[in-house]
């Protein structure tokens, strides 16, 4: 059965499997428990909700957030929903109860000094359920906590010291601890996650006098000692010599949707999820442009549909799946490409040149520069946010889609010319 909402039909059995498989943005009501809903946002977030009127109130129905899937599973969400609905039917506003409970809890912690309840595990779950985070961010935080902070999860936050942070940071950097690969980048990422959770605890949990339960953020030690690892910015890209082989290898992929996806990223310079999560609803062929939603700087922007991109959309449209909203549809729980190392190796093994999606973005922008475009135009093509806060005029300059089409076409034509050049090397089709 399709998970796509239909007019007059939006009731489903809200289970964990349904939540995992559903990708189309919208609100889904439960067939068994009226008022229990699952909301799927355009960014892919999945949130359990309760919606019902408050007995004795003349106001319209109120909506309460239970938590995010998969941080909160369907069984717990349903149990919480049932409890909240009972309160609403009795004329009790759960929001007022929550506020009162938080105050009582803070007073209890302060008076009885039961800070052991405020463990990393407790706060992390609270943070992930309350914050409006992208699914990829929730996944990243969970992976980091499991890989490098698992032995801290039951510890009270108040007992994790600056010395603990300094020691753990060094251990991860030197790859002496953790289930992951470790290294300088992993150490930086882990402590950024931990810092965010501590900051949340400082803002969220207060004593009766209004002061935070957690007074200091121990991650500050890394700033004080200037211990953060300096990471070299990647400078890799596909060279003029690499492009013909890369293009040949692309043609050997059995999964044509994946081939089109890689090609599309190179021809637009889009980031991983900007391309992967592109939906048909955001493609306006007759108007000559498509919209990119939820970019890194959280701004929506549009790009022109050039001749090359029109051909990609035509190929994808011929095999479009009715129950999948994404242009580059893929099997799996998300419905779009969530590429792993093995997918890149399908091409790299043939060309003997490893690459990443960001290498394709760098290649696109570099060829744009070599085509004669100035940095301002390259910023528009790449959707780079203007960081020059002193230049007020730039804030009023808006480049229309039509203004970008010719510069974008020039870059694409240059890339196509390079990819179609003859080369003495050839790929190993059998590999």
Protein backbone atom coordinates (compact mmCIF):
# COMPACT_ATOMS: atom_id res chain seq x y z
CA UNK A 1 0.00 0.00 0.00
CA UNK A 2 1.31 3.45 -0.86
CA UNK A 3 2.20 5.80 2.00
CA UNK A 4 1.33 8.81 -0.14
CA UNK A 5 -1.66 10.71 1.29
CA UNK A 6 -4.74 10.72 -0.90
CA UNK A 7 -7.64 13.11 -0.81
CA UNK A 8 -9.93 12.06 2.01
CA UNK A 9 -7.70 9.13 2.95
CA UNK A 10 -4.89 9.84 5.40
CA UNK A 11 -5.45 7.28 8.15
CA UNK A 12 -2.90 4.54 8.71
CA UNK A 13 -1.70 2.19 11.41
CA UNK A 14 1.11 4.29 12.87
CA UNK A 15 3.89 1.81 13.56
CA UNK A 16 7.68 2.08 13.58
CA UNK A 17 7.90 0.43 10.17
CA UNK A 18 5.32 2.85 8.74
CA UNK A 19 7.26 5.83 10.13
CA UNK A 20 10.56 4.50 8.76
CA UNK A 21 9.19 3.87 5.28
CA UNK A 22 7.11 7.03 4.91
CA UNK A 23 8.92 9.84 3.09
CA UNK A 24 6.20 12.07 1.66
CA UNK A 25 5.68 15.26 3.68
CA UNK A 26 2.28 15.49 5.37
CA UNK A 27 0.30 14.49 8.45
CA UNK A 28 -0.84 10.91 8.98
CA UNK A 29 -3.60 10.01 11.45
CA UNK A 30 -3.83 6.74 13.32
CA UNK A 31 -6.66 4.34 12.53
CA UNK A 32 -7.06 3.13 16.12
CA UNK A 33 -6.35 6.16 18.33
CA UNK A 34 -8.12 9.35 17.18
CA UNK A 35 -5.93 12.39 17.74
CA UNK A 36 -2.65 10.48 17.44
CA UNK A 37 -0.65 11.65 14.41
CA UNK A 38 2.69 11.41 12.64
CA UNK A 39 3.98 14.54 10.92
CA UNK A 40 6.60 14.21 8.17
CA UNK A 41 8.28 17.51 7.28
CA UNK A 42 9.75 18.52 3.93
CA UNK A 43 13.21 18.10 5.47
CA UNK A 44 12.42 14.47 6.37
CA UNK A 45 11.84 14.92 10.11
CA UNK A 46 9.21 12.60 11.58
CA UNK A 47 7.38 13.85 14.66
CA UNK A 48 4.74 12.15 16.81
CA UNK A 49 1.87 14.51 17.68
CA UNK A 50 -1.40 14.66 19.57
CA UNK A 51 -4.23 16.89 18.40
CA UNK A 52 -7.52 17.37 20.22
CA UNK A 53 -9.69 20.04 21.77
CA UNK A 54 -9.42 20.89 25.47
CA UNK A 55 -12.65 20.21 27.31
CA UNK A 56 -14.22 23.40 28.61
CA UNK A 57 -12.18 25.60 26.29
CA UNK A 58 -13.73 27.61 23.48
CA UNK A 59 -10.44 27.66 21.59
CA UNK A 60 -9.76 25.40 18.63
CA UNK A 61 -7.94 22.10 18.98
CA UNK A 62 -4.41 22.21 20.37
CA UNK A 63 -1.45 20.23 19.07
CA UNK A 64 1.14 18.74 21.39
CA UNK A 65 4.52 17.33 20.40
CA UNK A 66 5.39 13.91 21.82
CA UNK A 67 8.82 13.42 20.26
CA UNK A 68 10.74 12.50 17.14
CA UNK A 69 10.95 9.15 15.45
CA UNK A 70 13.12 7.08 15.89
CA UNK A 71 14.25 8.65 19.20
CA UNK A 72 10.73 7.90 20.46
CA UNK A 73 9.33 4.62 19.14
CA UNK A 74 5.70 4.12 18.11
CA UNK A 75 4.80 2.08 21.20
CA UNK A 76 5.97 4.76 23.63
CA UNK A 77 4.50 7.52 21.47
CA UNK A 78 1.10 5.80 21.41
CA UNK A 79 1.17 5.31 25.19
CA UNK A 80 2.03 8.98 25.74
CA UNK A 81 -0.63 10.06 23.23
CA UNK A 82 -3.30 8.05 25.05
CA UNK A 83 -2.35 9.70 28.35
CA UNK A 84 -2.36 13.22 26.87
CA UNK A 85 -5.72 12.67 25.19
CA UNK A 86 -7.21 11.55 28.52
CA UNK A 87 -5.98 14.76 30.14
CA UNK A 88 -7.45 16.92 27.37
CA UNK A 89 -10.83 15.18 27.68
CA UNK A 90 -10.77 15.92 31.43
CA UNK A 91 -10.11 19.60 30.76
CA UNK A 92 -6.49 19.44 31.95
CA UNK A 93 -3.94 21.29 29.82
CA UNK A 94 -0.78 19.11 29.62
CA UNK A 95 1.31 22.17 28.78
CA UNK A 96 0.63 23.71 32.18
CA UNK A 97 1.36 20.38 33.85
CA UNK A 98 4.68 20.12 32.01
CA UNK A 99 5.69 23.60 33.12
CA UNK A 100 4.76 22.80 36.72
CA UNK A 101 6.57 19.45 36.59
CA UNK A 102 9.77 21.04 35.24
CA UNK A 103 9.71 23.56 38.08
CA UNK A 104 9.10 20.85 40.68
CA UNK A 105 11.83 18.69 39.16
CA UNK A 106 14.32 21.55 39.25
CA UNK A 107 13.41 22.26 42.89
CA UNK A 108 13.79 18.57 43.71
CA UNK A 109 17.21 18.41 42.09
CA UNK A 110 18.29 21.58 43.87
CA UNK A 111 16.92 20.68 47.30
CA UNK A 112 17.88 17.01 47.37
CA UNK A 113 20.93 17.40 45.11
CA UNK A 114 19.84 14.43 43.03
CA UNK A 115 21.94 15.50 40.08
CA UNK A 116 22.68 11.85 39.31
CA UNK A 117 19.33 11.79 37.52
CA UNK A 118 20.72 14.34 35.09
CA UNK A 119 22.84 11.82 33.21
CA UNK A 120 24.29 12.25 29.74
CA UNK A 121 21.85 9.60 28.49
CA UNK A 122 18.87 11.50 29.91
CA UNK A 123 19.92 14.89 28.55
CA UNK A 124 20.94 13.57 25.12
CA UNK A 125 17.53 11.94 24.62
CA UNK A 126 15.81 15.10 25.83
CA UNK A 127 17.93 17.19 23.47
CA UNK A 128 17.21 15.02 20.42
CA UNK A 129 13.47 14.89 21.11
CA UNK A 130 13.02 18.62 21.72
CA UNK A 131 15.33 20.20 19.15
CA UNK A 132 14.18 20.60 15.55
CA UNK A 133 17.12 18.70 14.10
CA UNK A 134 17.61 17.12 10.71
CA UNK A 135 17.41 13.30 10.64
CA UNK A 136 21.07 13.20 9.59
CA UNK A 137 22.00 15.29 12.65
CA UNK A 138 20.07 12.98 14.99
CA UNK A 139 21.85 10.02 13.41
CA UNK A 140 25.26 11.71 13.75
CA UNK A 141 24.73 12.51 17.44
CA UNK A 142 23.60 8.95 18.16
CA UNK A 143 26.57 7.42 16.31
CA UNK A 144 29.06 9.70 18.08
CA UNK A 145 27.60 8.99 21.53
CA UNK A 146 27.64 5.24 20.93
CA UNK A 147 31.14 5.19 19.43
CA UNK A 148 33.06 7.48 21.78
CA UNK A 149 30.93 8.37 24.83
CA UNK A 150 29.15 5.10 25.66
CA UNK A 151 30.94 4.76 29.02
CA UNK A 152 29.82 8.29 29.95
CA UNK A 153 26.12 7.79 29.19
CA UNK A 154 25.06 6.88 32.75
CA UNK A 155 27.38 9.39 34.42
CA UNK A 156 25.93 12.59 35.92
CA UNK A 157 26.87 15.55 33.75
CA UNK A 158 28.00 17.44 36.83
CA UNK A 159 30.73 14.83 37.40
CA UNK A 160 32.26 15.02 33.91
CA UNK A 161 35.18 17.39 34.36
CA UNK A 162 37.42 19.45 32.12
CA UNK A 163 40.16 16.89 32.74
CA UNK A 164 37.84 14.10 31.57
CA UNK A 165 37.13 16.04 28.38
CA UNK A 166 40.79 16.77 27.74
CA UNK A 167 41.75 13.12 28.26
CA UNK A 168 38.94 11.72 26.09
CA UNK A 169 39.69 14.23 23.33
CA UNK A 170 43.31 13.10 23.25
CA UNK A 171 42.35 9.40 23.27
CA UNK A 172 40.01 9.82 20.30
CA UNK A 173 42.56 11.92 18.41
CA UNK A 174 45.22 9.23 18.90
CA UNK A 175 42.71 6.46 18.03
CA UNK A 176 43.13 4.79 21.43
CA UNK A 177 39.44 4.54 22.31
CA UNK A 178 36.03 4.11 20.75
CA UNK A 179 34.18 1.84 18.36
CA UNK A 180 34.79 4.19 15.43
CA UNK A 181 37.96 4.88 13.46
CA UNK A 182 38.84 7.85 15.64
CA UNK A 183 41.33 10.50 14.62
CA UNK A 184 41.49 14.32 14.78
CA UNK A 185 38.22 14.87 12.91
CA UNK A 186 36.32 12.38 15.06
CA UNK A 187 37.69 14.00 18.23
CA UNK A 188 36.54 17.47 17.13
CA UNK A 189 33.12 16.17 16.12
CA UNK A 190 32.61 14.25 19.38
CA UNK A 191 33.38 17.24 21.57
CA UNK A 192 31.20 19.55 19.49
CA UNK A 193 28.31 17.14 20.08
CA UNK A 194 29.07 16.93 23.81
CA UNK A 195 29.38 20.72 24.03
CA UNK A 196 25.95 21.17 22.42
CA UNK A 197 24.34 18.73 24.87
CA UNK A 198 25.91 20.49 27.87
CA UNK A 199 24.76 23.87 26.53
CA UNK A 200 21.23 22.48 26.20
CA UNK A 201 21.34 21.25 29.82
CA UNK A 202 22.48 24.69 30.99
CA UNK A 203 19.56 26.35 29.20
CA UNK A 204 16.97 23.71 30.07
CA UNK A 205 17.49 22.76 33.71
CA UNK A 206 17.41 25.49 36.34
CA UNK A 207 17.47 25.78 40.11
CA UNK A 208 14.65 27.66 41.92
CA UNK A 209 16.76 30.83 41.88
CA UNK A 210 17.04 30.66 38.08
CA UNK A 211 20.69 29.62 37.97
CA UNK A 212 21.61 26.64 35.77
CA UNK A 213 22.03 23.19 37.32
CA UNK A 214 25.17 22.73 35.20
CA UNK A 215 27.34 25.76 35.88
CA UNK A 216 30.27 25.21 33.52
CA UNK A 217 30.77 23.60 30.14
CA UNK A 218 33.86 21.38 30.53
CA UNK A 219 34.54 21.49 26.78
CA UNK A 220 35.80 25.06 27.33
CA UNK A 221 39.07 23.44 28.40
CA UNK A 222 39.82 22.73 24.73
CA UNK A 223 39.39 26.43 23.92
CA UNK A 224 41.48 27.50 26.89
CA UNK A 225 44.35 25.23 25.87
CA UNK A 226 43.77 25.79 22.14
CA UNK A 227 43.63 22.01 21.80
CA UNK A 228 41.14 21.70 18.94
CA UNK A 229 42.64 19.74 16.08
CA UNK A 230 43.46 21.76 13.01
CA UNK A 231 42.10 19.89 10.03
CA UNK A 232 43.43 20.42 6.56
CA UNK A 233 40.73 21.46 4.15
CA UNK A 234 40.30 18.89 1.40
CA UNK A 235 41.50 20.14 -1.96
CA UNK A 236 40.72 17.07 -4.05
CA UNK A 237 38.69 17.21 -7.24
CA UNK A 238 38.44 15.45 -10.59
CA UNK A 239 41.18 16.68 -12.89
CA UNK A 240 40.82 17.23 -16.64
CA UNK A 241 42.49 13.82 -17.10
CA UNK A 242 40.13 12.12 -14.61
CA UNK A 243 36.87 13.38 -16.11
CA UNK A 244 36.77 11.22 -19.31
CA UNK A 245 37.40 8.02 -17.33
CA UNK A 246 34.92 9.01 -14.65
CA UNK A 247 32.27 9.63 -17.30
CA UNK A 248 33.00 6.29 -18.98
CA UNK A 249 32.68 4.48 -15.64
CA UNK A 250 29.38 6.25 -15.01
CA UNK A 251 27.99 4.64 -18.15
CA UNK A 252 28.78 1.15 -16.86
CA UNK A 253 26.64 1.45 -13.71
CA UNK A 254 23.66 -0.90 -13.70
CA UNK A 255 21.72 1.48 -11.46
CA UNK A 256 20.90 4.28 -13.91
CA UNK A 257 19.27 6.39 -11.20
CA UNK A 258 22.58 6.40 -9.33
CA UNK A 259 24.44 7.28 -12.53
CA UNK A 260 22.07 10.20 -13.15
CA UNK A 261 22.46 11.29 -9.53
CA UNK A 262 26.28 11.45 -9.74
CA UNK A 263 26.05 13.25 -13.10
CA UNK A 264 23.47 15.72 -11.73
CA UNK A 265 25.69 16.62 -8.76
CA UNK A 266 28.63 17.31 -11.08
CA UNK A 267 26.46 19.43 -13.40
CA UNK A 268 24.96 21.54 -10.59
CA UNK A 269 27.54 21.55 -7.81
CA UNK A 270 24.78 20.72 -5.33
CA UNK A 271 25.53 19.25 -1.93
CA UNK A 272 24.73 15.62 -1.13
CA UNK A 273 21.23 15.98 0.31
CA UNK A 274 20.27 18.97 -1.81
CA UNK A 275 20.38 16.67 -4.83
CA UNK A 276 19.34 13.42 -3.15
CA UNK A 277 16.22 14.93 -1.54
CA UNK A 278 15.08 16.86 -4.62
CA UNK A 279 11.36 16.17 -5.08
CA UNK A 280 9.25 16.25 -8.22
CA UNK A 281 7.03 18.87 -6.59
CA UNK A 282 10.03 21.22 -6.63
CA UNK A 283 10.78 20.70 -10.33
CA UNK A 284 8.96 23.22 -12.55
CA UNK A 285 9.83 22.19 -16.09
CA UNK A 286 7.43 24.57 -17.87
CA UNK A 287 8.75 27.52 -15.87
CA UNK A 288 12.33 26.44 -16.47
CA UNK A 289 13.64 26.07 -12.92
CA UNK A 290 13.79 23.78 -9.89
CA UNK A 291 13.88 24.63 -6.20
CA UNK A 292 16.39 23.33 -3.71
CA UNK A 293 14.98 23.03 -0.21
CA UNK A 294 16.83 22.82 3.11
CA UNK A 295 20.26 23.83 1.91
CA UNK A 296 23.18 24.07 4.35
CA UNK A 297 22.54 27.73 5.14
CA UNK A 298 18.81 26.99 5.59
CA UNK A 299 17.76 29.13 2.64
CA UNK A 300 15.67 27.99 -0.30
CA UNK A 301 17.01 28.85 -3.74
CA UNK A 302 16.27 28.07 -7.36
CA UNK A 303 18.42 26.94 -10.27
CA UNK A 304 17.60 26.98 -13.99
CA UNK A 305 16.75 23.83 -15.92
CA UNK A 306 19.38 23.87 -18.65
CA UNK A 307 19.41 21.56 -21.66
CA UNK A 308 21.62 19.05 -19.85
CA UNK A 309 19.45 19.01 -16.73
CA UNK A 310 16.28 18.77 -18.82
CA UNK A 311 17.61 15.53 -20.29
CA UNK A 312 18.25 14.16 -16.78
CA UNK A 313 14.72 15.02 -15.65
CA UNK A 314 13.28 13.41 -18.80
CA UNK A 315 15.15 10.16 -18.11
CA UNK A 316 14.04 10.11 -14.49
CA UNK A 317 10.45 10.97 -15.38
CA UNK A 318 10.17 7.92 -17.66
CA UNK A 319 10.83 5.60 -14.72
CA UNK A 320 9.17 7.71 -12.04
CA UNK A 321 7.63 5.74 -9.19
CA UNK A 322 4.15 6.86 -8.20
CA UNK A 323 4.69 6.15 -4.50
CA UNK A 324 8.09 7.88 -4.31
CA UNK A 325 8.28 11.71 -4.35
CA UNK A 326 12.02 11.93 -5.07
CA UNK A 327 13.57 12.58 -8.48
CA UNK A 328 16.43 10.18 -7.76
CA UNK A 329 14.30 7.44 -6.25
CA UNK A 330 16.04 4.59 -4.48
CA UNK A 331 15.05 1.54 -2.51
CA UNK A 332 15.48 1.74 1.24
CA UNK A 333 13.78 3.35 4.18
CA UNK A 334 14.40 6.95 3.03
CA UNK A 335 13.35 6.55 -0.57
CA UNK A 336 16.35 8.54 -1.82
CA UNK A 337 20.07 7.85 -2.21
CA UNK A 338 22.03 7.64 1.03
CA UNK A 339 25.37 6.76 -0.51
CA UNK A 340 28.04 4.75 1.24
CA UNK A 341 31.67 4.01 0.38
CA UNK A 342 30.71 0.92 -1.62
CA UNK A 343 28.68 3.05 -4.04
CA UNK A 344 31.61 5.35 -4.79
CA UNK A 345 33.85 2.31 -5.25
CA UNK A 346 31.66 1.13 -8.14
CA UNK A 347 33.24 3.97 -10.11
CA UNK A 348 36.55 4.39 -8.29
CA UNK A 349 37.49 0.73 -8.81
CA UNK A 350 37.25 1.25 -12.56
CA UNK A 351 38.98 4.64 -12.77
CA UNK A 352 41.52 3.97 -9.99
CA UNK A 353 40.67 7.47 -8.72
CA UNK A 354 38.77 7.73 -5.41
CA UNK A 355 36.31 10.63 -5.16
CA UNK A 356 33.60 12.09 -2.95
CA UNK A 357 30.46 14.06 -3.72
CA UNK A 358 32.15 17.20 -2.48
CA UNK A 359 34.96 16.53 -4.96
CA UNK A 360 32.30 16.85 -7.67
CA UNK A 361 31.17 20.17 -6.17
CA UNK A 362 34.76 21.44 -6.11
CA UNK A 363 35.22 20.28 -9.71
CA UNK A 364 32.10 22.16 -10.82
CA UNK A 365 33.17 25.40 -9.13
CA UNK A 366 36.77 25.13 -10.32
CA UNK A 367 35.65 24.67 -13.92
CA UNK A 368 33.31 27.62 -13.41
CA UNK A 369 36.26 29.76 -12.36
CA UNK A 370 38.31 28.55 -15.33
CA UNK A 371 35.36 29.45 -17.57
CA UNK A 372 35.84 33.08 -16.59
CA UNK A 373 33.13 33.55 -13.96
CA UNK A 374 33.95 35.92 -11.11
CA UNK A 375 33.65 34.91 -7.45
CA UNK A 376 30.29 36.63 -6.99
CA UNK A 377 28.72 34.56 -9.76
CA UNK A 378 30.33 31.38 -8.42
CA UNK A 379 28.78 32.10 -5.03
CA UNK A 380 25.36 32.35 -6.65
CA UNK A 381 25.87 29.12 -8.58
CA UNK A 382 27.01 27.31 -5.42
CA UNK A 383 24.49 28.96 -3.06
CA UNK A 384 27.28 30.24 -0.85
CA UNK A 385 25.94 32.57 1.80
CA UNK A 386 27.27 36.12 1.65
CA UNK A 387 29.38 36.63 4.79
CA UNK A 388 30.33 40.25 4.09
CA UNK A 389 28.06 41.86 6.68
CA UNK A 390 29.57 45.31 6.07
CA UNK A 391 28.44 45.42 2.46
CA UNK A 392 24.76 46.36 2.81
CA UNK A 393 24.33 46.76 -0.95
CA UNK A 394 24.95 43.07 -1.60
CA UNK A 395 21.92 42.23 0.49
CA UNK A 396 19.72 43.98 -2.06
CA UNK A 397 21.24 42.34 -5.14
CA UNK A 398 19.08 39.39 -6.19
CA UNK A 399 20.21 37.24 -9.09
CA UNK A 400 17.22 35.80 -10.96
CA UNK A 401 17.15 32.26 -12.36
CA UNK A 402 17.37 33.64 -15.90
CA UNK A 403 20.58 35.49 -15.00
CA UNK A 404 22.22 32.26 -13.84
CA UNK A 405 21.21 30.08 -16.78
CA UNK A 406 23.87 31.21 -19.25
CA UNK A 407 26.79 31.08 -16.75
CA UNK A 408 25.61 27.64 -15.60
CA UNK A 409 25.35 26.40 -19.19
CA UNK A 410 28.90 27.57 -19.89
CA UNK A 411 30.22 25.51 -16.96
CA UNK A 412 28.23 22.45 -18.02
CA UNK A 413 29.41 22.70 -21.64
CA UNK A 414 33.00 22.90 -20.46
CA UNK A 415 32.55 19.79 -18.29
CA UNK A 416 30.88 17.89 -21.14
CA UNK A 417 33.72 18.79 -23.48
CA UNK A 418 36.29 17.53 -20.98
CA UNK A 419 34.36 14.31 -20.30
CA UNK A 420 34.00 13.49 -23.98
CA UNK A 421 37.67 14.01 -24.79
CA UNK A 422 39.57 11.00 -26.02
CA UNK A 423 42.15 9.59 -23.64
CA UNK A 424 44.88 7.00 -23.96
CA UNK A 425 43.73 5.40 -20.72
CA UNK A 426 40.61 3.26 -20.51
CA UNK A 427 38.56 1.81 -17.71
CA UNK A 428 38.45 -1.84 -16.80
CA UNK A 429 34.86 -2.72 -17.67
CA UNK A 430 35.19 -6.17 -16.11
CA UNK A 431 36.19 -4.87 -12.68
